[in-house]
Amino acid sequence: MRAVLPRRPRPRTGSDATASWRRRVAVAVPPLMAAAIAGWGITVPSLWRDESVTGMAARMSLPELRALLADIDTVHALYYLLMRPFAALGASGPVELALRLPSLLAFAAAAYGVAVLGRRLAGPAAGLWSGLLYAVLPIMSRYAQEARGYALVGAVAVLATWLLVTALERPSRRRFTGYGAAVALLGWLHLYALLLLAAHAAAVLAAGRAGPGTRPPRRPRSSPTSHPPHPPRGPLRPPWPSWLLAVAGAGVALAPLVVVAAGQRDTQLFWLRSPGPPELAAFPIEVAGSAAGAAAVFGLAVWGGWSARRTPLVAAWAVLPFAISFAVSQVEPIYHPRYVLIVVPGIALAAGTGLTRLAAAAGRWRFAVAVPAVLLVAATALPAHEALRTPNGRPDDLRSLAATLDAEVRPGDRVLFVPYRYRLFVAVYGGPYERLVDLTRAPGRYEPRTAAEFTAAAAGASRIWLVSARIGRVYAADPRLVALRSAFSAAGPTRRFGSIRLTLYRPREAERRRAGVERRPGGVRDAAASTPAPPA
């Protein structure tokens, strides 16, 4: 790791002022670009089920939240607490903007951090191009517009890496303590993000190999007016002990979360499967938005990683967390693209470094090479950005589901959620659900009703709405659903809102009488008039 050492005070010249201005611009433009991209159409897509969980959990009373976290989602406890003021803000304004605003801010902060790291490790130009490439990648744009913690995880990963670079360049107990605190924060936001420590270990190893008695030389500034740094003031200790102590301190802070999360893994991650070659091939396209964009970004990243081989943090950050997640998942699935988003800043940093080296060959025309390259990556990603910003640009359309219920719910209607956690998954648009009697749980209880309790609560109901996942073998045996189907039958087609299903049920006797009306002359017209038409 190249050292950053204090320099002798020297008179400022016109060239110095120009170089300083360029360095400030290099780190200011990427976060502004990131904020603009994240703000583009941020309220257009409906919140989907994961975001609904965020909104519902952030609105809960603390006893209700404790009950939820004891059952599931302990790994997101800190994020839900951080989201409470934003959820309150959403009660009086656009709920999509309020819940997604922290992700937008985190995305802009991460773009700033990538630019700062690029400037520090490879010069102002590398900082500018790295930050801009990070800002235009659609995978980050998607999570910058999502009320989940992944954009925040990316920002903290960049912060932790910057703190490590600072601590390795100018070691002190205070700097390593700050780094350890950032690692603990990263783990509390997402445990799998701690795979980043593999890349950090590579950086520490490289710093230790530079020699315990000398500081490694600082990389040359791109400015022709740069002066050589001071010689080292004294011998330095290897960084390993300080780094290990900082990581150990973070581990102590994370121990309670690890213990509880281990017991919830089967409930939280049962849906993960071991990835294979298709997932491996899909990841670059998901990052860049297209095959052409992936070829450009990852080609530049390979060149940048090789060019920065004396600073192994760059390549290690872009590769190691993903590789470890993929390898471990062959035995115990932990891989999902959003769980390895911590590599994307590293990919952007490597690609920005590669673009800087490529443009340097053009000499004074380097901007004429670099700017079109960034624009080309942005152009190839544009269709992916646009697709994310359509009304159905998320896996579920909870807003349309709520609007349909709001239009069709009648006084006395009831609702059943299958599985029982779907109340959290869909009810972020709360209006119609507040008018429905919930048969899934008794008031004031977190646990769902038994079949007998459901049957007693459903007695006398004339209409019950079923809000559910696809009913396959996983959910067909749900005791409340079995009880519903024994006494009620579907009164119309099941409507889909992404992966969420909505079906209206009536008592079987009422359905038989209704079927009789349909068989009489004029009955078809009457039945059609009484049956809600599916949405277009």
Protein backbone atom coordinates (compact mmCIF):
# COMPACT_ATOMS: atom_id res chain seq x y z
CA MET A 1 0.00 0.00 0.00
CA ARG A 2 1.47 3.31 -1.03
CA ALA A 3 1.98 5.71 1.83
CA VAL A 4 0.43 9.12 2.12
CA LEU A 5 2.90 11.34 3.93
CA PRO A 6 2.77 15.01 4.96
CA ARG A 7 4.49 17.33 2.55
CA ARG A 8 6.54 20.45 3.23
CA PRO A 9 4.59 23.69 3.04
CA ARG A 10 5.38 25.42 -0.22
CA PRO A 11 4.15 28.52 -2.00
CA ARG A 12 1.02 27.99 -4.08
CA THR A 13 1.47 28.66 -7.77
CA GLY A 14 -1.02 28.92 -10.59
CA SER A 15 -0.32 25.31 -11.52
CA ASP A 16 -0.90 24.23 -7.92
CA ALA A 17 -4.25 26.01 -7.82
CA THR A 18 -5.31 24.42 -11.11
CA ALA A 19 -4.31 20.96 -9.91
CA SER A 20 -6.17 21.49 -6.62
CA TRP A 21 -9.29 22.60 -8.52
CA ARG A 22 -9.10 19.52 -10.73
CA ARG A 23 -8.81 17.25 -7.72
CA ARG A 24 -11.90 18.80 -6.16
CA VAL A 25 -13.88 18.47 -9.38
CA ALA A 26 -12.77 14.85 -9.74
CA VAL A 27 -14.49 13.90 -6.49
CA ALA A 28 -17.45 16.29 -6.73
CA VAL A 29 -18.87 15.28 -10.11
CA PRO A 30 -19.47 11.54 -9.46
CA PRO A 31 -21.76 11.97 -6.41
CA LEU A 32 -23.76 14.65 -8.21
CA MET A 33 -24.15 12.35 -11.20
CA ALA A 34 -25.10 9.44 -8.92
CA ALA A 35 -27.74 11.50 -7.13
CA ALA A 36 -29.22 12.67 -10.43
CA ILE A 37 -29.39 9.12 -11.82
CA ALA A 38 -30.88 7.72 -8.61
CA GLY A 39 -33.45 10.50 -8.44
CA TRP A 40 -34.58 9.91 -12.03
CA GLY A 41 -37.99 8.20 -11.80
CA ILE A 42 -37.48 7.12 -8.21
CA THR A 43 -41.22 7.18 -7.43
CA VAL A 44 -42.41 5.53 -10.67
CA PRO A 45 -42.00 1.84 -9.78
CA SER A 46 -44.23 0.50 -7.03
CA LEU A 47 -42.66 -0.63 -3.80
CA TRP A 48 -42.26 -4.39 -3.90
CA ARG A 49 -42.47 -7.01 -1.17
CA ASP A 50 -38.96 -6.56 0.26
CA GLU A 51 -39.51 -2.82 0.44
CA SER A 52 -42.91 -3.40 2.01
CA VAL A 53 -41.21 -5.34 4.79
CA THR A 54 -38.91 -2.36 5.35
CA GLY A 55 -41.82 0.07 5.55
CA MET A 56 -43.93 -2.14 7.80
CA ALA A 57 -41.04 -2.98 10.14
CA ALA A 58 -39.98 0.66 10.39
CA ARG A 59 -43.53 1.66 11.36
CA MET A 60 -43.93 -0.99 14.07
CA SER A 61 -43.86 -0.22 17.74
CA LEU A 62 -40.69 -1.41 19.42
CA PRO A 63 -42.40 -4.44 21.07
CA GLU A 64 -43.83 -5.46 17.67
CA LEU A 65 -40.43 -5.02 16.06
CA ARG A 66 -38.79 -7.17 18.74
CA ALA A 67 -41.32 -9.93 18.02
CA LEU A 68 -40.57 -9.72 14.30
CA LEU A 69 -36.80 -9.79 14.81
CA ALA A 70 -37.10 -12.76 17.16
CA ASP A 71 -38.80 -14.66 14.35
CA ILE A 72 -36.98 -13.44 11.24
CA ASP A 73 -34.86 -10.60 9.82
CA THR A 74 -32.57 -10.00 12.79
CA VAL A 75 -29.82 -9.35 10.24
CA HIS A 76 -31.70 -6.19 9.18
CA ALA A 77 -32.42 -4.92 12.70
CA LEU A 78 -30.09 -1.92 12.51
CA TYR A 79 -31.42 -0.93 9.09
CA TYR A 80 -35.03 -1.02 10.29
CA LEU A 81 -34.14 1.22 13.22
CA LEU A 82 -32.37 3.67 10.92
CA MET A 83 -35.43 3.74 8.65
CA ARG A 84 -37.93 4.74 11.35
CA PRO A 85 -37.77 8.52 10.76
CA PHE A 86 -38.06 8.01 6.99
CA ALA A 87 -41.08 5.74 7.43
CA ALA A 88 -42.69 8.45 9.55
CA LEU A 89 -41.92 10.96 6.80
CA GLY A 90 -43.65 8.68 4.29
CA ALA A 91 -46.90 8.89 6.22
CA SER A 92 -47.31 12.51 5.07
CA GLY A 93 -45.75 12.37 1.60
CA PRO A 94 -44.88 10.05 -1.29
CA VAL A 95 -44.06 6.81 0.49
CA GLU A 96 -41.77 5.64 -2.33
CA LEU A 97 -39.56 8.74 -2.09
CA ALA A 98 -39.44 8.72 1.71
CA LEU A 99 -38.44 5.06 1.98
CA ARG A 100 -35.98 5.15 -0.93
CA LEU A 101 -34.29 8.42 0.00
CA PRO A 102 -31.65 6.83 2.32
CA SER A 103 -30.57 4.52 -0.50
CA LEU A 104 -30.23 7.47 -2.89
CA LEU A 105 -28.06 9.34 -0.38
CA ALA A 106 -25.96 6.25 0.31
CA PHE A 107 -25.41 5.70 -3.41
CA ALA A 108 -24.19 9.27 -3.86
CA ALA A 109 -21.90 8.90 -0.83
CA ALA A 110 -20.47 5.67 -2.23
CA ALA A 111 -19.78 7.33 -5.60
CA TYR A 112 -17.93 10.08 -3.72
CA GLY A 113 -15.94 7.49 -1.78
CA VAL A 114 -15.00 5.59 -4.94
CA ALA A 115 -13.77 8.84 -6.50
CA VAL A 116 -11.75 9.69 -3.38
CA LEU A 117 -10.17 6.24 -3.31
CA GLY A 118 -9.42 6.36 -7.03
CA ARG A 119 -7.76 9.76 -6.63
CA ARG A 120 -5.76 8.55 -3.66
CA LEU A 121 -4.57 5.31 -5.24
CA ALA A 122 -4.13 6.30 -8.89
CA GLY A 123 -4.60 10.04 -9.31
CA PRO A 124 -7.43 12.54 -9.92
CA ALA A 125 -8.33 11.23 -13.38
CA ALA A 126 -8.74 7.69 -12.06
CA GLY A 127 -10.93 9.03 -9.26
CA LEU A 128 -13.18 10.87 -11.71
CA TRP A 129 -13.63 7.97 -14.14
CA SER A 130 -14.05 5.40 -11.36
CA GLY A 131 -16.73 7.46 -9.65
CA LEU A 132 -18.60 8.13 -12.90
CA LEU A 133 -18.52 4.48 -13.94
CA TYR A 134 -19.88 3.51 -10.55
CA ALA A 135 -22.68 6.06 -10.94
CA VAL A 136 -23.86 4.77 -14.33
CA LEU A 137 -23.90 1.04 -13.54
CA PRO A 138 -27.57 -0.10 -13.53
CA ILE A 139 -27.15 -2.68 -10.78
CA MET A 140 -26.30 0.12 -8.36
CA SER A 141 -29.00 2.37 -9.77
CA ARG A 142 -31.56 -0.33 -9.00
CA TYR A 143 -30.56 -0.59 -5.34
CA ALA A 144 -30.22 3.19 -5.07
CA GLN A 145 -33.96 3.20 -5.76
CA GLU A 146 -34.90 0.46 -3.34
CA ALA A 147 -35.91 0.68 0.30
CA ARG A 148 -33.47 -2.00 1.37
CA GLY A 149 -30.03 -1.70 2.91
CA TYR A 150 -27.84 -2.73 -0.02
CA ALA A 151 -26.92 0.79 -1.18
CA LEU A 152 -26.04 1.64 2.41
CA VAL A 153 -23.93 -1.52 2.64
CA GLY A 154 -22.03 -0.38 -0.46
CA ALA A 155 -21.39 3.04 1.05
CA VAL A 156 -20.10 1.57 4.33
CA ALA A 157 -17.91 -0.89 2.40
CA VAL A 158 -16.30 2.07 0.62
CA LEU A 159 -15.91 3.91 3.93
CA ALA A 160 -14.28 0.91 5.61
CA THR A 161 -11.87 0.52 2.70
CA TRP A 162 -10.95 4.19 2.77
CA LEU A 163 -10.31 3.98 6.51
CA LEU A 164 -8.09 0.95 5.96
CA VAL A 165 -6.08 2.73 3.27
CA THR A 166 -5.65 5.69 5.61
CA ALA A 167 -4.63 3.45 8.51
CA LEU A 168 -2.08 1.57 6.42
CA GLU A 169 -0.55 4.75 5.06
CA ARG A 170 -0.34 6.52 8.43
CA PRO A 171 -0.81 3.88 11.13
CA SER A 172 -2.25 4.91 14.47
CA ARG A 173 -4.46 3.36 17.11
CA ARG A 174 -7.18 5.91 16.38
CA ARG A 175 -7.27 5.09 12.67
CA PHE A 176 -7.43 1.34 13.19
CA THR A 177 -10.13 1.81 15.82
CA GLY A 178 -12.18 3.79 13.33
CA TYR A 179 -11.64 1.08 10.75
CA GLY A 180 -12.77 -1.61 13.18
CA ALA A 181 -15.93 0.38 13.97
CA ALA A 182 -16.70 0.64 10.24
CA VAL A 183 -16.26 -3.12 9.84
CA ALA A 184 -18.65 -3.74 12.73
CA LEU A 185 -21.18 -1.36 11.16
CA LEU A 186 -20.79 -3.16 7.83
CA GLY A 187 -21.51 -6.51 9.47
CA TRP A 188 -24.55 -5.19 11.33
CA LEU A 189 -25.95 -3.98 8.02
CA HIS A 190 -25.23 -7.26 6.22
CA LEU A 191 -23.16 -10.17 7.49
CA TYR A 192 -22.18 -11.42 4.03
CA ALA A 193 -20.60 -8.03 3.33
CA LEU A 194 -17.80 -9.13 5.64
CA LEU A 195 -16.43 -11.07 2.67
CA LEU A 196 -14.81 -7.73 1.90
CA LEU A 197 -12.29 -8.56 4.63
CA ALA A 198 -10.61 -10.98 2.22
CA ALA A 199 -9.69 -8.04 -0.02
CA HIS A 200 -8.61 -6.03 3.00
CA ALA A 201 -6.37 -8.88 4.09
CA ALA A 202 -4.68 -8.77 0.69
CA ALA A 203 -4.02 -5.06 1.14
CA VAL A 204 -2.60 -5.61 4.63
CA LEU A 205 -0.39 -8.41 3.35
CA ALA A 206 0.96 -6.17 0.60
CA ALA A 207 1.66 -3.39 3.08
CA GLY A 208 3.47 -5.79 5.38
CA ARG A 209 5.67 -7.07 2.54
CA ALA A 210 6.87 -3.54 1.88
CA GLY A 211 9.08 -3.98 4.92
CA PRO A 212 8.55 -3.36 8.62
CA GLY A 213 11.30 -0.75 8.86
CA THR A 214 10.41 1.58 6.00
CA ARG A 215 7.41 3.27 4.53
CA PRO A 216 6.58 2.28 0.96
CA PRO A 217 7.06 5.15 -1.50
CA ARG A 218 4.01 7.16 -2.35
CA ARG A 219 2.64 6.87 -5.86
CA PRO A 220 3.59 9.88 -7.99
CA ARG A 221 1.03 12.63 -8.37
CA SER A 222 -0.27 13.24 -11.85
CA SER A 223 0.45 16.95 -11.37
CA PRO A 224 3.86 18.00 -12.73
CA THR A 225 4.30 20.28 -9.73
CA SER A 226 4.20 17.49 -7.17
CA HIS A 227 7.14 17.32 -4.78
CA PRO A 228 8.66 14.15 -3.37
CA PRO A 229 7.46 13.21 0.09
CA HIS A 230 9.47 13.46 3.28
CA PRO A 231 11.68 10.49 4.02
CA PRO A 232 10.28 8.18 6.70
CA ARG A 233 10.65 9.55 10.21
CA GLY A 234 11.24 6.21 11.88
CA PRO A 235 10.72 2.48 11.72
CA LEU A 236 7.19 1.18 11.34
CA ARG A 237 5.69 -1.98 12.76
CA PRO A 238 4.02 -4.51 10.44
CA PRO A 239 0.31 -3.68 10.06
CA TRP A 240 -0.93 -7.22 10.71
CA PRO A 241 -1.30 -7.01 14.52
CA SER A 242 -3.22 -3.73 14.39
CA TRP A 243 -5.48 -4.98 11.62
CA LEU A 244 -6.20 -8.28 13.35
CA LEU A 245 -6.96 -6.46 16.59
CA ALA A 246 -9.39 -4.13 14.77
CA VAL A 247 -11.13 -7.06 13.08
CA ALA A 248 -11.29 -8.96 16.38
CA GLY A 249 -12.95 -5.96 18.03
CA ALA A 250 -15.50 -5.85 15.22
CA GLY A 251 -16.09 -9.57 15.70
CA VAL A 252 -16.91 -9.05 19.37
CA ALA A 253 -19.42 -6.35 18.45
CA LEU A 254 -20.99 -8.68 15.86
CA ALA A 255 -21.10 -11.84 18.00
CA PRO A 256 -24.72 -11.41 19.23
CA LEU A 257 -25.96 -10.85 15.68
CA VAL A 258 -24.08 -13.90 14.38
CA VAL A 259 -25.56 -16.15 17.06
CA VAL A 260 -29.15 -15.08 16.42
CA ALA A 261 -28.80 -14.95 12.63
CA ALA A 262 -27.41 -18.49 12.53
CA GLY A 263 -30.64 -19.75 14.05
CA GLN A 264 -32.74 -17.90 11.45
CA ARG A 265 -30.80 -18.92 8.38
CA ASP A 266 -33.19 -21.64 7.24
CA THR A 267 -36.13 -19.26 7.53
CA GLN A 268 -34.33 -16.33 5.93
CA LEU A 269 -32.42 -18.00 3.09
CA PHE A 270 -34.25 -21.24 2.33
CA TRP A 271 -34.84 -20.03 -1.24
CA LEU A 272 -31.16 -19.79 -2.21
CA ARG A 273 -29.74 -22.39 -4.58
CA SER A 274 -26.16 -23.27 -5.49
CA PRO A 275 -25.11 -21.07 -8.44
CA GLY A 276 -23.60 -22.47 -11.60
CA PRO A 277 -22.19 -21.27 -14.93
CA PRO A 278 -25.42 -19.42 -15.91
CA GLU A 279 -25.27 -17.31 -12.74
CA LEU A 280 -21.56 -16.71 -13.30
CA ALA A 281 -22.20 -15.50 -16.84
CA ALA A 282 -25.20 -13.41 -15.80
CA PHE A 283 -23.44 -11.37 -13.13
CA PRO A 284 -21.36 -9.10 -15.45
CA ILE A 285 -24.46 -8.38 -17.54
CA GLU A 286 -26.47 -7.58 -14.43
CA VAL A 287 -23.74 -5.21 -13.27
CA ALA A 288 -23.40 -3.34 -16.58
CA GLY A 289 -26.89 -3.79 -18.01
CA SER A 290 -25.92 -5.40 -21.32
CA ALA A 291 -23.39 -7.73 -22.87
CA ALA A 292 -21.66 -4.84 -24.65
CA GLY A 293 -21.49 -2.81 -21.46
CA ALA A 294 -20.18 -5.80 -19.53
CA ALA A 295 -17.42 -6.33 -22.11
CA ALA A 296 -16.38 -2.69 -21.82
CA VAL A 297 -16.53 -2.41 -18.02
CA PHE A 298 -14.94 -5.74 -17.21
CA GLY A 299 -12.36 -5.36 -19.97
CA LEU A 300 -11.29 -2.04 -18.49
CA ALA A 301 -11.36 -3.58 -15.00
CA VAL A 302 -8.99 -6.37 -16.05
CA TRP A 303 -6.59 -3.84 -17.55
CA GLY A 304 -6.91 -1.59 -14.50
CA GLY A 305 -6.36 -4.44 -12.07
CA TRP A 306 -3.17 -5.40 -13.90
CA SER A 307 -2.00 -1.79 -14.12
CA ALA A 308 -2.52 -1.38 -10.36
CA ARG A 309 -0.89 -4.69 -9.44
CA ARG A 310 1.40 -2.91 -6.97
CA THR A 311 -1.78 -1.92 -5.14
CA PRO A 312 -3.47 -5.34 -4.91
CA LEU A 313 -6.44 -3.94 -3.03
CA VAL A 314 -8.00 -2.87 -6.35
CA ALA A 315 -8.08 -6.30 -7.98
CA ALA A 316 -8.74 -8.12 -4.71
CA TRP A 317 -11.79 -5.92 -4.00
CA ALA A 318 -13.21 -6.57 -7.45
CA VAL A 319 -12.72 -10.34 -7.33
CA LEU A 320 -12.28 -11.99 -3.92
CA PRO A 321 -15.69 -11.42 -2.21
CA PHE A 322 -17.53 -12.65 -5.31
CA ALA A 323 -15.21 -15.64 -5.78
CA ILE A 324 -15.48 -16.71 -2.14
CA SER A 325 -19.28 -16.36 -2.14
CA PHE A 326 -19.56 -18.39 -5.33
CA ALA A 327 -17.23 -21.11 -4.06
CA VAL A 328 -18.89 -21.43 -0.64
CA SER A 329 -22.29 -21.59 -2.33
CA GLN A 330 -21.36 -24.86 -3.99
CA VAL A 331 -21.58 -26.39 -0.51
CA GLU A 332 -23.83 -24.00 1.44
CA PRO A 333 -25.71 -21.50 -0.75
CA ILE A 334 -25.04 -17.90 0.23
CA TYR A 335 -24.74 -16.34 -3.23
CA HIS A 336 -27.11 -13.80 -4.71
CA PRO A 337 -26.06 -10.81 -6.85
CA ARG A 338 -27.30 -8.34 -4.26
CA TYR A 339 -25.31 -10.11 -1.54
CA VAL A 340 -22.04 -9.42 -3.41
CA LEU A 341 -22.72 -5.81 -4.37
CA ILE A 342 -19.69 -4.90 -2.26
CA VAL A 343 -17.52 -5.90 -5.26
CA VAL A 344 -19.08 -3.28 -7.55
CA PRO A 345 -17.08 -0.33 -6.10
CA GLY A 346 -13.96 -2.41 -6.62
CA ILE A 347 -14.97 -3.18 -10.21
CA ALA A 348 -15.61 0.52 -10.85
CA LEU A 349 -12.27 1.44 -9.27
CA ALA A 350 -10.42 -1.10 -11.41
CA ALA A 351 -12.28 -0.02 -14.56
CA GLY A 352 -11.61 3.66 -13.87
CA THR A 353 -7.93 2.91 -13.37
CA GLY A 354 -7.86 0.96 -16.62
CA LEU A 355 -9.57 3.78 -18.48
CA THR A 356 -7.05 6.26 -17.08
CA ARG A 357 -4.15 4.14 -18.30
CA LEU A 358 -5.79 3.71 -21.70
CA ALA A 359 -6.50 7.42 -22.08
CA ALA A 360 -2.97 8.34 -20.99
CA ALA A 361 -1.69 6.86 -24.26
CA ALA A 362 -3.52 9.68 -26.08
CA GLY A 363 -1.49 12.33 -24.26
CA ARG A 364 -3.15 15.72 -24.35
CA TRP A 365 -6.22 14.13 -25.99
CA ARG A 366 -6.86 11.81 -23.07
CA PHE A 367 -10.27 13.37 -22.33
CA ALA A 368 -11.26 12.72 -25.95
CA VAL A 369 -10.73 9.02 -25.19
CA ALA A 370 -12.07 8.80 -21.64
CA VAL A 371 -15.28 10.82 -21.98
CA PRO A 372 -16.63 8.84 -24.97
CA ALA A 373 -15.75 5.61 -23.17
CA VAL A 374 -17.85 6.60 -20.13
CA LEU A 375 -20.67 7.75 -22.41
CA LEU A 376 -20.52 4.44 -24.28
CA VAL A 377 -20.90 2.49 -21.04
CA ALA A 378 -23.81 4.76 -20.05
CA ALA A 379 -25.47 4.33 -23.47
CA THR A 380 -25.28 0.55 -23.33
CA ALA A 381 -26.79 0.66 -19.83
CA LEU A 382 -29.63 3.04 -20.78
CA PRO A 383 -32.22 0.33 -21.68
CA ALA A 384 -31.62 -1.36 -18.32
CA HIS A 385 -32.04 1.97 -16.51
CA GLU A 386 -35.28 2.66 -18.37
CA ALA A 387 -36.65 -0.82 -17.61
CA LEU A 388 -36.03 -0.26 -13.90
CA ARG A 389 -38.08 2.93 -14.00
CA THR A 390 -41.32 1.60 -15.44
CA PRO A 391 -44.41 1.14 -13.22
CA ASN A 392 -43.85 -2.63 -13.30
CA GLY A 393 -40.08 -2.34 -12.97
CA ARG A 394 -40.02 -4.37 -9.73
CA PRO A 395 -40.96 -8.00 -9.02
CA ASP A 396 -44.29 -6.95 -7.44
CA ASP A 397 -46.74 -4.14 -8.11
CA LEU A 398 -48.08 -3.56 -4.61
CA ARG A 399 -49.43 -0.15 -5.49
CA SER A 400 -51.82 -1.60 -8.12
CA LEU A 401 -52.77 -4.39 -5.72
CA ALA A 402 -53.71 -1.84 -3.06
CA ALA A 403 -55.61 0.28 -5.62
CA THR A 404 -57.61 -2.77 -6.75
CA LEU A 405 -58.52 -3.68 -3.19
CA ASP A 406 -59.34 -0.09 -2.36
CA ALA A 407 -61.85 0.01 -5.23
CA GLU A 408 -63.47 -3.36 -4.53
CA VAL A 409 -63.43 -3.86 -0.77
CA ARG A 410 -66.85 -3.72 0.89
CA PRO A 411 -67.73 -3.21 4.54
CA GLY A 412 -67.28 -6.47 6.44
CA ASP A 413 -64.77 -7.97 3.98
CA ARG A 414 -61.95 -10.00 5.48
CA VAL A 415 -58.48 -10.97 4.36
CA LEU A 416 -56.19 -13.98 4.72
CA PHE A 417 -52.46 -13.82 4.00
CA VAL A 418 -50.69 -17.02 2.87
CA PRO A 419 -48.00 -17.42 4.02
CA TYR A 420 -48.83 -15.51 7.16
CA ARG A 421 -45.86 -13.13 6.77
CA TYR A 422 -47.40 -11.73 3.59
CA ARG A 423 -49.11 -9.09 5.71
CA LEU A 424 -45.64 -7.57 5.97
CA PHE A 425 -44.93 -8.25 2.32
CA VAL A 426 -47.86 -6.33 0.81
CA ALA A 427 -49.36 -3.84 3.26
CA VAL A 428 -46.97 -0.90 2.91
CA TYR A 429 -49.80 0.84 0.99
CA GLY A 430 -51.97 0.54 4.05
CA GLY A 431 -55.32 2.12 3.11
CA PRO A 432 -57.38 -0.88 1.99
CA TYR A 433 -55.82 -3.24 4.54
CA GLU A 434 -56.99 -1.01 7.36
CA ARG A 435 -60.59 -1.60 6.18
CA LEU A 436 -60.20 -5.38 6.04
CA VAL A 437 -60.58 -7.70 9.04
CA ASP A 438 -57.37 -9.72 9.24
CA LEU A 439 -58.11 -13.43 9.70
CA THR A 440 -54.45 -14.42 9.66
CA ARG A 441 -53.65 -13.24 13.19
CA ALA A 442 -55.71 -12.31 16.18
CA PRO A 443 -55.39 -8.65 17.24
CA GLY A 444 -52.30 -8.06 19.35
CA ARG A 445 -50.71 -11.40 18.44
CA TYR A 446 -47.72 -12.06 16.21
CA GLU A 447 -48.31 -15.80 15.79
CA PRO A 448 -50.90 -16.81 13.16
CA ARG A 449 -54.25 -18.32 14.06
CA THR A 450 -54.67 -22.08 14.13
CA ALA A 451 -57.11 -23.67 11.68
CA ALA A 452 -59.81 -23.87 14.38
CA GLU A 453 -59.27 -20.24 15.35
CA PHE A 454 -59.46 -19.23 11.69
CA THR A 455 -62.71 -21.13 11.17
CA ALA A 456 -64.27 -19.43 14.19
CA ALA A 457 -63.09 -15.98 13.06
CA ALA A 458 -64.35 -16.56 9.49
CA ALA A 459 -67.84 -17.64 10.59
CA GLY A 460 -70.46 -15.42 9.01
CA ALA A 461 -68.07 -13.86 6.48
CA SER A 462 -69.59 -13.28 3.06
CA ARG A 463 -66.33 -12.30 1.29
CA ILE A 464 -62.73 -13.18 2.09
CA TRP A 465 -59.80 -11.88 0.06
CA LEU A 466 -56.82 -14.24 -0.23
CA VAL A 467 -53.51 -12.42 -0.70
CA SER A 468 -50.87 -15.03 -1.37
CA ALA A 469 -47.82 -16.29 -3.10
CA ARG A 470 -48.24 -18.92 -5.80
CA ILE A 471 -49.96 -21.80 -4.03
CA GLY A 472 -47.79 -24.78 -4.76
CA ARG A 473 -46.70 -27.66 -2.60
CA VAL A 474 -44.98 -25.24 -0.21
CA TYR A 475 -48.16 -23.42 0.81
CA ALA A 476 -50.99 -25.79 -0.11
CA ALA A 477 -50.86 -27.33 3.37
CA ASP A 478 -51.15 -24.00 5.19
CA PRO A 479 -53.78 -24.82 7.85
CA ARG A 480 -55.64 -21.53 7.39
CA LEU A 481 -55.77 -22.01 3.62
CA VAL A 482 -57.05 -25.57 4.03
CA ALA A 483 -59.79 -24.30 6.36
CA LEU A 484 -60.67 -21.50 3.91
CA ARG A 485 -61.03 -23.89 0.98
CA SER A 486 -63.16 -26.31 2.97
CA ALA A 487 -65.91 -23.75 3.56
CA PHE A 488 -65.34 -21.18 0.79
CA SER A 489 -64.73 -21.29 -2.94
CA ALA A 490 -63.14 -18.85 -5.38
CA ALA A 491 -65.62 -16.31 -6.70
CA GLY A 492 -63.57 -15.33 -9.73
CA PRO A 493 -60.19 -15.63 -11.37
CA THR A 494 -56.98 -15.14 -9.45
CA ARG A 495 -55.34 -11.86 -10.37
CA ARG A 496 -51.59 -11.36 -10.37
CA PHE A 497 -49.59 -8.32 -9.36
CA GLY A 498 -46.08 -9.51 -10.10
CA SER A 499 -45.53 -12.50 -7.86
CA ILE A 500 -48.47 -11.62 -5.56
CA ARG A 501 -51.87 -13.30 -6.11
CA LEU A 502 -55.28 -11.89 -5.20
CA THR A 503 -58.39 -14.11 -5.09
CA LEU A 504 -61.88 -13.41 -3.75
CA TYR A 505 -63.60 -16.24 -1.85
CA ARG A 506 -67.30 -16.61 -0.96
CA PRO A 507 -69.09 -19.25 1.14
CA ARG A 508 -69.78 -22.39 -0.88
CA GLU A 509 -73.54 -22.12 -0.43
CA ALA A 510 -73.49 -18.53 -1.72
CA GLU A 511 -71.46 -19.63 -4.72
CA ARG A 512 -73.93 -22.42 -5.53
CA ARG A 513 -76.83 -19.95 -5.39
CA ARG A 514 -74.87 -17.54 -7.55
CA ALA A 515 -74.16 -20.29 -10.08
CA GLY A 516 -77.89 -20.98 -10.23
CA VAL A 517 -78.56 -17.34 -11.05
CA GLU A 518 -76.10 -17.59 -13.91
CA ARG A 519 -78.02 -20.56 -15.42
CA ARG A 520 -81.32 -18.64 -15.52
CA PRO A 521 -82.15 -16.36 -18.47
CA GLY A 522 -80.26 -13.10 -18.05
CA GLY A 523 -78.10 -14.68 -15.40
CA VAL A 524 -74.91 -14.36 -17.34
CA ARG A 525 -75.39 -10.62 -17.54
CA ASP A 526 -76.19 -10.42 -13.83
CA ALA A 527 -73.18 -12.49 -12.87
CA ALA A 528 -70.90 -10.43 -15.06
CA ALA A 529 -72.17 -7.28 -13.46
CA SER A 530 -71.49 -8.62 -9.96
CA THR A 531 -68.05 -10.03 -10.69
CA PRO A 532 -65.14 -7.58 -10.54
CA ALA A 533 -63.39 -7.34 -13.89
CA PRO A 534 -59.67 -8.07 -13.78
CA PRO A 535 -57.44 -5.06 -14.31
CA ALA A 536 -56.15 -4.38 -17.78
